[in-house]
């Protein structure tokens, strides 16, 4: 399955995180998880506000698209967390992701 763009919600991670990373272009795993959860919550609240104005079919399509984008994002996060847990050289308290 090819990655899907997030329909205007693409935000460069490095610009929002600031100086949280330990190296240039990297962020901690905890910050990444927090960012993904906050973004998902924001998208869900926006979706909840916009759905009442749409037709039944448009609602179903929007819910499906949201669920597929969110699932793909969390599957990627799960793969990253599993990799971090299995990597012997990774310090779990200071995992950094290169952006």
PDB file of N, CA and C in Angstrom:
ATOM      1  N   UNK A   1       0.845  -1.172   0.000  1.00  0.00           N
ATOM      2  CA  UNK A   1       0.000   0.000   0.000  1.00  0.00           C
ATOM      3  C   UNK A   1       0.892   1.237   0.000  1.00  0.00           C
ATOM      4  N   UNK A   2       0.669   2.117  -0.934  1.00  0.00           N
ATOM      5  CA  UNK A   2       1.468   3.341  -1.043  1.00  0.00           C
ATOM      6  C   UNK A   2       1.030   4.354   0.006  1.00  0.00           C
ATOM      7  N   UNK A   3       1.968   5.176   0.499  1.00  0.00           N
ATOM      8  CA  UNK A   3       1.611   6.207   1.477  1.00  0.00           C
ATOM      9  C   UNK A   3       0.621   7.202   0.890  1.00  0.00           C
ATOM     10  N   UNK A   4      -0.318   7.623   1.694  1.00  0.00           N
ATOM     11  CA  UNK A   4      -1.318   8.595   1.268  1.00  0.00           C
ATOM     12  C   UNK A   4      -0.981   9.966   1.821  1.00  0.00           C
ATOM     13  N   UNK A   5      -1.079  11.020   0.997  1.00  0.00           N
ATOM     14  CA  UNK A   5      -0.876  12.369   1.538  1.00  0.00           C
ATOM     15  C   UNK A   5      -2.017  12.718   2.479  1.00  0.00           C
ATOM     16  N   UNK A   6      -1.741  13.588   3.426  1.00  0.00           N
ATOM     17  CA  UNK A   6      -2.733  13.934   4.439  1.00  0.00           C
ATOM     18  C   UNK A   6      -3.554  15.155   4.068  1.00  0.00           C
ATOM     19  N   UNK A   7      -3.860  15.325   2.810  1.00  0.00           N
ATOM     20  CA  UNK A   7      -4.799  16.331   2.314  1.00  0.00           C
ATOM     21  C   UNK A   7      -4.677  17.678   2.996  1.00  0.00           C
ATOM     22  N   UNK A   8      -3.561  18.342   2.797  1.00  0.00           N
ATOM     23  CA  UNK A   8      -3.391  19.680   3.338  1.00  0.00           C
ATOM     24  C   UNK A   8      -2.994  19.721   4.790  1.00  0.00           C
ATOM     25  N   UNK A   9      -2.837  18.562   5.422  1.00  0.00           N
ATOM     26  CA  UNK A   9      -2.459  18.529   6.831  1.00  0.00           C
ATOM     27  C   UNK A   9      -0.988  18.195   7.005  1.00  0.00           C
ATOM     28  N   UNK A  10      -0.237  18.159   5.903  1.00  0.00           N
ATOM     29  CA  UNK A  10       1.186  17.872   6.004  1.00  0.00           C
ATOM     30  C   UNK A  10       1.873  19.034   6.685  1.00  0.00           C
ATOM     31  N   UNK A  11       2.448  18.773   7.812  1.00  0.00           N
ATOM     32  CA  UNK A  11       3.161  19.779   8.573  1.00  0.00           C
ATOM     33  C   UNK A  11       4.567  19.279   8.794  1.00  0.00           C
ATOM     34  N   UNK A  12       5.579  20.038   8.394  1.00  0.00           N
ATOM     35  CA  UNK A  12       6.939  19.586   8.648  1.00  0.00           C
ATOM     36  C   UNK A  12       7.150  19.394  10.143  1.00  0.00           C
ATOM     37  N   UNK A  13       7.540  18.205  10.532  1.00  0.00           N
ATOM     38  CA  UNK A  13       7.676  17.879  11.948  1.00  0.00           C
ATOM     39  C   UNK A  13       8.721  18.758  12.599  1.00  0.00           C
ATOM     40  N   UNK A  14       9.822  18.989  11.925  1.00  0.00           N
ATOM     41  CA  UNK A  14      10.906  19.774  12.501  1.00  0.00           C
ATOM     42  C   UNK A  14      10.495  21.190  12.866  1.00  0.00           C
ATOM     43  N   UNK A  15       9.568  21.775  12.128  1.00  0.00           N
ATOM     44  CA  UNK A  15       9.155  23.149  12.405  1.00  0.00           C
ATOM     45  C   UNK A  15       8.282  23.252  13.646  1.00  0.00           C
ATOM     46  N   UNK A  16       7.500  22.236  13.956  1.00  0.00           N
ATOM     47  CA  UNK A  16       6.606  22.291  15.109  1.00  0.00           C
ATOM     48  C   UNK A  16       7.269  21.854  16.402  1.00  0.00           C
ATOM     49  N   UNK A  17       8.275  21.038  16.308  1.00  0.00           N
ATOM     50  CA  UNK A  17       8.870  20.464  17.502  1.00  0.00           C
ATOM     51  C   UNK A  17       9.852  21.417  18.151  1.00  0.00           C
ATOM     52  N   UNK A  18      10.555  22.195  17.368  1.00  0.00           N
ATOM     53  CA  UNK A  18      11.515  23.137  17.932  1.00  0.00           C
ATOM     54  C   UNK A  18      12.803  22.462  18.327  1.00  0.00           C
ATOM     55  N   UNK A  19      13.286  22.745  19.515  1.00  0.00           N
ATOM     56  CA  UNK A  19      14.575  22.248  19.958  1.00  0.00           C
ATOM     57  C   UNK A  19      14.464  20.967  20.781  1.00  0.00           C
ATOM     58  N   UNK A  20      13.415  20.183  20.599  1.00  0.00           N
ATOM     59  CA  UNK A  20      13.236  18.961  21.372  1.00  0.00           C
ATOM     60  C   UNK A  20      14.263  17.901  21.003  1.00  0.00           C
ATOM     61  N   UNK A  21      14.734  17.883  19.759  1.00  0.00           N
ATOM     62  CA  UNK A  21      15.660  16.853  19.301  1.00  0.00           C
ATOM     63  C   UNK A  21      17.042  17.037  19.875  1.00  0.00           C
ATOM     64  N   UNK A  22      17.785  15.927  19.930  1.00  0.00           N
ATOM     65  CA  UNK A  22      19.138  15.987  20.453  1.00  0.00           C
ATOM     66  C   UNK A  22      20.142  16.286  19.357  1.00  0.00           C
ATOM     67  N   UNK A  23      19.798  15.940  18.116  1.00  0.00           N
ATOM     68  CA  UNK A  23      20.654  16.222  16.978  1.00  0.00           C
ATOM     69  C   UNK A  23      19.851  16.995  15.944  1.00  0.00           C
ATOM     70  N   UNK A  24      20.560  17.607  15.033  1.00  0.00           N
ATOM     71  CA  UNK A  24      19.879  18.355  13.981  1.00  0.00           C
ATOM     72  C   UNK A  24      19.022  17.402  13.152  1.00  0.00           C
ATOM     73  N   UNK A  25      17.739  17.732  12.993  1.00  0.00           N
ATOM     74  CA  UNK A  25      16.844  16.919  12.188  1.00  0.00           C
ATOM     75  C   UNK A  25      16.321  15.677  12.879  1.00  0.00           C
ATOM     76  N   UNK A  26      16.422  15.584  14.181  1.00  0.00           N
ATOM     77  CA  UNK A  26      15.907  14.407  14.877  1.00  0.00           C
ATOM     78  C   UNK A  26      15.049  14.832  16.065  1.00  0.00           C
ATOM     79  N   UNK A  27      14.118  13.950  16.428  1.00  0.00           N
ATOM     80  CA  UNK A  27      13.249  14.204  17.570  1.00  0.00           C
ATOM     81  C   UNK A  27      13.164  12.932  18.408  1.00  0.00           C
ATOM     82  N   UNK A  28      12.795  13.071  19.652  1.00  0.00           N
ATOM     83  CA  UNK A  28      12.683  11.895  20.512  1.00  0.00           C
ATOM     84  C   UNK A  28      11.405  11.127  20.172  1.00  0.00           C
ATOM     85  N   UNK A  29      11.415   9.856  20.496  1.00  0.00           N
ATOM     86  CA  UNK A  29      10.263   9.007  20.230  1.00  0.00           C
ATOM     87  C   UNK A  29       9.041   9.485  21.012  1.00  0.00           C
ATOM     88  N   UNK A  30       9.239   9.927  22.232  1.00  0.00           N
ATOM     89  CA  UNK A  30       8.124  10.424  23.048  1.00  0.00           C
ATOM     90  C   UNK A  30       7.478  11.654  22.413  1.00  0.00           C
ATOM     91  N   UNK A  31       8.289  12.546  21.878  1.00  0.00           N
ATOM     92  CA  UNK A  31       7.761  13.754  21.228  1.00  0.00           C
ATOM     93  C   UNK A  31       7.013  13.375  19.958  1.00  0.00           C
ATOM     94  N   UNK A  32       7.546  12.416  19.214  1.00  0.00           N
ATOM     95  CA  UNK A  32       6.882  11.963  17.997  1.00  0.00           C
ATOM     96  C   UNK A  32       5.517  11.357  18.317  1.00  0.00           C
ATOM     97  N   UNK A  33       5.453  10.526  19.343  1.00  0.00           N
ATOM     98  CA  UNK A  33       4.181   9.919  19.740  1.00  0.00           C
ATOM     99  C   UNK A  33       3.188  10.995  20.163  1.00  0.00           C
ATOM    100  N   UNK A  34       3.642  11.942  20.963  1.00  0.00           N
ATOM    101  CA  UNK A  34       2.762  13.028  21.407  1.00  0.00           C
ATOM    102  C   UNK A  34       2.246  13.837  20.218  1.00  0.00           C
ATOM    103  N   UNK A  35       3.116  14.134  19.262  1.00  0.00           N
ATOM    104  CA  UNK A  35       2.727  14.892  18.076  1.00  0.00           C
ATOM    105  C   UNK A  35       1.671  14.140  17.270  1.00  0.00           C
ATOM    106  N   UNK A  36       1.877  12.844  17.070  1.00  0.00           N
ATOM    107  CA  UNK A  36       0.936  12.048  16.288  1.00  0.00           C
ATOM    108  C   UNK A  36      -0.422  11.972  16.984  1.00  0.00           C
ATOM    109  N   UNK A  37      -0.427  11.779  18.286  1.00  0.00           N
ATOM    110  CA  UNK A  37      -1.687  11.707  19.033  1.00  0.00           C
ATOM    111  C   UNK A  37      -2.422  13.047  18.983  1.00  0.00           C
ATOM    112  N   UNK A  38      -1.699  14.148  19.178  1.00  0.00           N
ATOM    113  CA  UNK A  38      -2.334  15.469  19.135  1.00  0.00           C
ATOM    114  C   UNK A  38      -2.891  15.776  17.754  1.00  0.00           C
ATOM    115  N   UNK A  39      -2.133  15.432  16.707  1.00  0.00           N
ATOM    116  CA  UNK A  39      -2.604  15.694  15.350  1.00  0.00           C
ATOM    117  C   UNK A  39      -3.838  14.858  15.030  1.00  0.00           C
ATOM    118  N   UNK A  40      -3.843  13.603  15.457  1.00  0.00           N
ATOM    119  CA  UNK A  40      -4.994  12.738  15.224  1.00  0.00           C
ATOM    120  C   UNK A  40      -6.228  13.271  15.952  1.00  0.00           C
ATOM    121  N   UNK A  41      -6.047  13.699  17.191  1.00  0.00           N
ATOM    122  CA  UNK A  41      -7.165  14.266  17.955  1.00  0.00           C
ATOM    123  C   UNK A  41      -7.698  15.522  17.266  1.00  0.00           C
ATOM    124  N   UNK A  42      -6.801  16.379  16.797  1.00  0.00           N
ATOM    125  CA  UNK A  42      -7.216  17.604  16.111  1.00  0.00           C
ATOM    126  C   UNK A  42      -8.001  17.267  14.844  1.00  0.00           C
ATOM    127  N   UNK A  43      -7.497  16.336  14.037  1.00  0.00           N
ATOM    128  CA  UNK A  43      -8.193  15.956  12.808  1.00  0.00           C
ATOM    129  C   UNK A  43      -9.564  15.362  13.114  1.00  0.00           C
ATOM    130  N   UNK A  44      -9.658  14.594  14.199  1.00  0.00           N
ATOM    131  CA  UNK A  44     -10.936  13.997  14.577  1.00  0.00           C
ATOM    132  C   UNK A  44     -11.941  15.060  15.014  1.00  0.00           C
ATOM    133  N   UNK A  45     -11.496  16.058  15.769  1.00  0.00           N
ATOM    134  CA  UNK A  45     -12.414  17.118  16.194  1.00  0.00           C
ATOM    135  C   UNK A  45     -12.866  17.965  15.004  1.00  0.00           C
ATOM    136  N   UNK A  46     -11.962  18.225  14.074  1.00  0.00           N
ATOM    137  CA  UNK A  46     -12.339  18.965  12.862  1.00  0.00           C
ATOM    138  C   UNK A  46     -13.346  18.156  12.059  1.00  0.00           C
ATOM    139  N   UNK A  47     -13.096  16.863  11.935  1.00  0.00           N
ATOM    140  CA  UNK A  47     -14.015  15.994  11.209  1.00  0.00           C
ATOM    141  C   UNK A  47     -15.392  15.987  11.867  1.00  0.00           C
ATOM    142  N   UNK A  48     -15.430  15.930  13.180  1.00  0.00           N
ATOM    143  CA  UNK A  48     -16.708  15.927  13.904  1.00  0.00           C
ATOM    144  C   UNK A  48     -17.479  17.225  13.686  1.00  0.00           C
ATOM    145  N   UNK A  49     -16.774  18.328  13.534  1.00  0.00           N
ATOM    146  CA  UNK A  49     -17.441  19.609  13.284  1.00  0.00           C
ATOM    147  C   UNK A  49     -17.963  19.712  11.857  1.00  0.00           C
ATOM    148  N   UNK A  50     -17.256  19.108  10.906  1.00  0.00           N
ATOM    149  CA  UNK A  50     -17.624  19.252   9.501  1.00  0.00           C
ATOM    150  C   UNK A  50     -18.632  18.213   9.013  1.00  0.00           C
ATOM    151  N   UNK A  51     -18.691  17.057   9.632  1.00  0.00           N
ATOM    152  CA  UNK A  51     -19.553  15.982   9.136  1.00  0.00           C
ATOM    153  C   UNK A  51     -21.043  16.317   9.118  1.00  0.00           C
ATOM    154  N   UNK A  52     -21.596  17.027  10.092  1.00  0.00           N
ATOM    155  CA  UNK A  52     -23.042  17.290  10.046  1.00  0.00           C
ATOM    156  C   UNK A  52     -23.496  18.053   8.798  1.00  0.00           C
ATOM    157  N   UNK A  53     -22.604  18.787   8.175  1.00  0.00           N
ATOM    158  CA  UNK A  53     -22.974  19.580   6.990  1.00  0.00           C
ATOM    159  C   UNK A  53     -22.924  18.770   5.701  1.00  0.00           C
ATOM    160  N   UNK A  54     -22.448  17.545   5.766  1.00  0.00           N
ATOM    161  CA  UNK A  54     -22.256  16.748   4.553  1.00  0.00           C
ATOM    162  C   UNK A  54     -23.383  15.746   4.378  1.00  0.00           C
ATOM    163  N   UNK A  55     -23.496  15.254   3.159  1.00  0.00           N
ATOM    164  CA  UNK A  55     -24.494  14.220   2.880  1.00  0.00           C
ATOM    165  C   UNK A  55     -24.033  12.906   3.499  1.00  0.00           C
ATOM    166  N   UNK A  56     -24.946  11.953   3.533  1.00  0.00           N
ATOM    167  CA  UNK A  56     -24.636  10.654   4.133  1.00  0.00           C
ATOM    168  C   UNK A  56     -23.445   9.989   3.438  1.00  0.00           C
ATOM    169  N   UNK A  57     -23.430   9.998   2.126  1.00  0.00           N
ATOM    170  CA  UNK A  57     -22.338   9.364   1.386  1.00  0.00           C
ATOM    171  C   UNK A  57     -21.020  10.102   1.615  1.00  0.00           C
ATOM    172  N   UNK A  58     -21.056  11.435   1.640  1.00  0.00           N
ATOM    173  CA  UNK A  58     -19.836  12.211   1.903  1.00  0.00           C
ATOM    174  C   UNK A  58     -19.299  11.932   3.300  1.00  0.00           C
ATOM    175  N   UNK A  59     -20.199  11.780   4.274  1.00  0.00           N
ATOM    176  CA  UNK A  59     -19.774  11.438   5.639  1.00  0.00           C
ATOM    177  C   UNK A  59     -19.046  10.107   5.671  1.00  0.00           C
ATOM    178  N   UNK A  60     -19.631   9.127   5.003  1.00  0.00           N
ATOM    179  CA  UNK A  60     -19.014   7.801   4.976  1.00  0.00           C
ATOM    180  C   UNK A  60     -17.633   7.848   4.332  1.00  0.00           C
ATOM    181  N   UNK A  61     -17.506   8.598   3.265  1.00  0.00           N
ATOM    182  CA  UNK A  61     -16.217   8.717   2.575  1.00  0.00           C
ATOM    183  C   UNK A  61     -15.197   9.411   3.462  1.00  0.00           C
ATOM    184  N   UNK A  62     -15.605  10.494   4.112  1.00  0.00           N
ATOM    185  CA  UNK A  62     -14.689  11.228   4.996  1.00  0.00           C
ATOM    186  C   UNK A  62     -14.238  10.375   6.181  1.00  0.00           C
ATOM    187  N   UNK A  63     -15.162   9.637   6.772  1.00  0.00           N
ATOM    188  CA  UNK A  63     -14.811   8.764   7.898  1.00  0.00           C
ATOM    189  C   UNK A  63     -13.856   7.671   7.438  1.00  0.00           C
ATOM    190  N   UNK A  64     -14.131   7.093   6.278  1.00  0.00           N
ATOM    191  CA  UNK A  64     -13.250   6.058   5.740  1.00  0.00           C
ATOM    192  C   UNK A  64     -11.854   6.622   5.480  1.00  0.00           C
ATOM    193  N   UNK A  65     -11.783   7.781   4.835  1.00  0.00           N
ATOM    194  CA  UNK A  65     -10.477   8.388   4.541  1.00  0.00           C
ATOM    195  C   UNK A  65      -9.707   8.711   5.818  1.00  0.00           C
ATOM    196  N   UNK A  66     -10.400   9.251   6.813  1.00  0.00           N
ATOM    197  CA  UNK A  66      -9.749   9.549   8.091  1.00  0.00           C
ATOM    198  C   UNK A  66      -9.217   8.275   8.736  1.00  0.00           C
ATOM    199  N   UNK A  67     -10.037   7.242   8.747  1.00  0.00           N
ATOM    200  CA  UNK A  67      -9.605   6.000   9.396  1.00  0.00           C
ATOM    201  C   UNK A  67      -8.426   5.366   8.668  1.00  0.00           C
ATOM    202  N   UNK A  68      -8.396   5.429   7.357  1.00  0.00           N
ATOM    203  CA  UNK A  68      -7.268   4.856   6.609  1.00  0.00           C
ATOM    204  C   UNK A  68      -5.986   5.652   6.843  1.00  0.00           C
ATOM    205  N   UNK A  69      -6.070   6.993   6.816  1.00  0.00           N
ATOM    206  CA  UNK A  69      -4.883   7.819   7.077  1.00  0.00           C
ATOM    207  C   UNK A  69      -4.351   7.581   8.485  1.00  0.00           C
ATOM    208  N   UNK A  70      -5.271   7.550   9.441  1.00  0.00           N
ATOM    209  CA  UNK A  70      -4.877   7.380  10.835  1.00  0.00           C
ATOM    210  C   UNK A  70      -4.289   5.995  11.068  1.00  0.00           C
ATOM    211  N   UNK A  71      -4.899   4.985  10.490  1.00  0.00           N
ATOM    212  CA  UNK A  71      -4.376   3.623  10.631  1.00  0.00           C
ATOM    213  C   UNK A  71      -2.969   3.530  10.061  1.00  0.00           C
ATOM    214  N   UNK A  72      -2.765   4.092   8.878  1.00  0.00           N
ATOM    215  CA  UNK A  72      -1.445   4.050   8.250  1.00  0.00           C
ATOM    216  C   UNK A  72      -0.403   4.759   9.120  1.00  0.00           C
ATOM    217  N   UNK A  73      -0.772   5.875   9.681  1.00  0.00           N
ATOM    218  CA  UNK A  73       0.141   6.626  10.536  1.00  0.00           C
ATOM    219  C   UNK A  73       0.516   5.822  11.779  1.00  0.00           C
ATOM    220  N   UNK A  74      -0.478   5.202  12.420  1.00  0.00           N
ATOM    221  CA  UNK A  74      -0.201   4.434  13.634  1.00  0.00           C
ATOM    222  C   UNK A  74       0.507   3.111  13.341  1.00  0.00           C
ATOM    223  N   UNK A  75       0.294   2.531  12.169  1.00  0.00           N
ATOM    224  CA  UNK A  75       1.054   1.335  11.790  1.00  0.00           C
ATOM    225  C   UNK A  75       2.525   1.690  11.623  1.00  0.00           C
ATOM    226  N   UNK A  76       2.791   2.836  11.023  1.00  0.00           N
ATOM    227  CA  UNK A  76       4.183   3.294  10.904  1.00  0.00           C
ATOM    228  C   UNK A  76       4.798   3.532  12.280  1.00  0.00           C
ATOM    229  N   UNK A  77       4.030   4.144  13.164  1.00  0.00           N
ATOM    230  CA  UNK A  77       4.514   4.383  14.521  1.00  0.00           C
ATOM    231  C   UNK A  77       4.769   3.062  15.245  1.00  0.00           C
ATOM    232  N   UNK A  78       3.881   2.096  15.082  1.00  0.00           N
ATOM    233  CA  UNK A  78       4.060   0.785  15.697  1.00  0.00           C
ATOM    234  C   UNK A  78       5.335   0.116  15.195  1.00  0.00           C
ATOM    235  N   UNK A  79       5.588   0.189  13.892  1.00  0.00           N
ATOM    236  CA  UNK A  79       6.815  -0.391  13.340  1.00  0.00           C
ATOM    237  C   UNK A  79       8.042   0.274  13.943  1.00  0.00           C
ATOM    238  N   UNK A  80       7.980   1.564  14.109  1.00  0.00           N
ATOM    239  CA  UNK A  80       9.093   2.305  14.697  1.00  0.00           C
ATOM    240  C   UNK A  80       9.321   1.908  16.153  1.00  0.00           C
ATOM    241  N   UNK A  81       8.250   1.778  16.912  1.00  0.00           N
ATOM    242  CA  UNK A  81       8.367   1.389  18.321  1.00  0.00           C
ATOM    243  C   UNK A  81       8.884  -0.039  18.440  1.00  0.00           C
ATOM    244  N   UNK A  82       8.393  -0.947  17.589  1.00  0.00           N
ATOM    245  CA  UNK A  82       8.898  -2.326  17.618  1.00  0.00           C
ATOM    246  C   UNK A  82      10.379  -2.366  17.273  1.00  0.00           C
ATOM    247  N   UNK A  83      10.779  -1.570  16.286  1.00  0.00           N
ATOM    248  CA  UNK A  83      12.196  -1.516  15.938  1.00  0.00           C
ATOM    249  C   UNK A  83      13.011  -1.003  17.122  1.00  0.00           C
ATOM    250  N   UNK A  84      12.532   0.030  17.774  1.00  0.00           N
ATOM    251  CA  UNK A  84      13.265   0.601  18.908  1.00  0.00           C
ATOM    252  C   UNK A  84      13.378  -0.406  20.050  1.00  0.00           C
ATOM    253  N   UNK A  85      12.338  -1.211  20.263  1.00  0.00           N
ATOM    254  CA  UNK A  85      12.383  -2.217  21.326  1.00  0.00           C
ATOM    255  C   UNK A  85      13.322  -3.366  20.993  1.00  0.00           C
ATOM    256  N   UNK A  86      13.458  -3.686  19.711  1.00  0.00           N
ATOM    257  CA  UNK A  86      14.287  -4.827  19.337  1.00  0.00           C
ATOM    258  C   UNK A  86      15.735  -4.439  19.051  1.00  0.00           C
ATOM    259  N   UNK A  87      15.996  -3.181  18.818  1.00  0.00           N
ATOM    260  CA  UNK A  87      17.361  -2.747  18.510  1.00  0.00           C
ATOM    261  C   UNK A  87      18.182  -2.734  19.795  1.00  0.00           C
ATOM    262  N   UNK A  88      19.245  -3.502  19.808  1.00  0.00           N
ATOM    263  CA  UNK A  88      20.035  -3.629  21.035  1.00  0.00           C
ATOM    264  C   UNK A  88      20.839  -2.381  21.353  1.00  0.00           C
ATOM    265  N   UNK A  89      21.179  -1.595  20.347  1.00  0.00           N
ATOM    266  CA  UNK A  89      22.010  -0.414  20.573  1.00  0.00           C
ATOM    267  C   UNK A  89      21.199   0.849  20.813  1.00  0.00           C
ATOM    268  N   UNK A  90      19.897   0.726  20.862  1.00  0.00           N
ATOM    269  CA  UNK A  90      19.044   1.898  21.016  1.00  0.00           C
ATOM    270  C   UNK A  90      18.797   2.148  22.495  1.00  0.00           C
ATOM    271  N   UNK A  91      19.120   3.343  22.933  1.00  0.00           N
ATOM    272  CA  UNK A  91      18.800   3.744  24.299  1.00  0.00           C
ATOM    273  C   UNK A  91      17.338   4.163  24.301  1.00  0.00           C
ATOM    274  N   UNK A  92      16.496   3.392  24.950  1.00  0.00           N
ATOM    275  CA  UNK A  92      15.051   3.615  24.874  1.00  0.00           C
ATOM    276  C   UNK A  92      14.610   4.961  25.425  1.00  0.00           C
ATOM    277  N   UNK A  93      15.416   5.575  26.243  1.00  0.00           N
ATOM    278  CA  UNK A  93      15.033   6.879  26.776  1.00  0.00           C
ATOM    279  C   UNK A  93      15.467   8.019  25.867  1.00  0.00           C
ATOM    280  N   UNK A  94      16.300   7.747  24.893  1.00  0.00           N
ATOM    281  CA  UNK A  94      16.812   8.813  24.030  1.00  0.00           C
ATOM    282  C   UNK A  94      16.755   8.417  22.565  1.00  0.00           C
ATOM    283  N   UNK A  95      15.694   7.723  22.143  1.00  0.00           N
ATOM    284  CA  UNK A  95      15.545   7.331  20.752  1.00  0.00           C
ATOM    285  C   UNK A  95      15.297   8.579  19.923  1.00  0.00           C
ATOM    286  N   UNK A  96      16.029   8.719  18.839  1.00  0.00           N
ATOM    287  CA  UNK A  96      15.855   9.868  17.955  1.00  0.00           C
ATOM    288  C   UNK A  96      15.494   9.383  16.569  1.00  0.00           C
ATOM    289  N   UNK A  97      14.647  10.132  15.904  1.00  0.00           N
ATOM    290  CA  UNK A  97      14.206   9.824  14.568  1.00  0.00           C
ATOM    291  C   UNK A  97      14.750  10.904  13.646  1.00  0.00           C
ATOM    292  N   UNK A  98      15.439  10.504  12.588  1.00  0.00           N
ATOM    293  CA  UNK A  98      15.963  11.473  11.634  1.00  0.00           C
ATOM    294  C   UNK A  98      14.854  11.827  10.668  1.00  0.00           C
ATOM    295  N   UNK A  99      14.575  13.117  10.522  1.00  0.00           N
ATOM    296  CA  UNK A  99      13.511  13.587   9.635  1.00  0.00           C
ATOM    297  C   UNK A  99      14.063  13.895   8.275  1.00  0.00           C
TER     298      UNK A  99
END
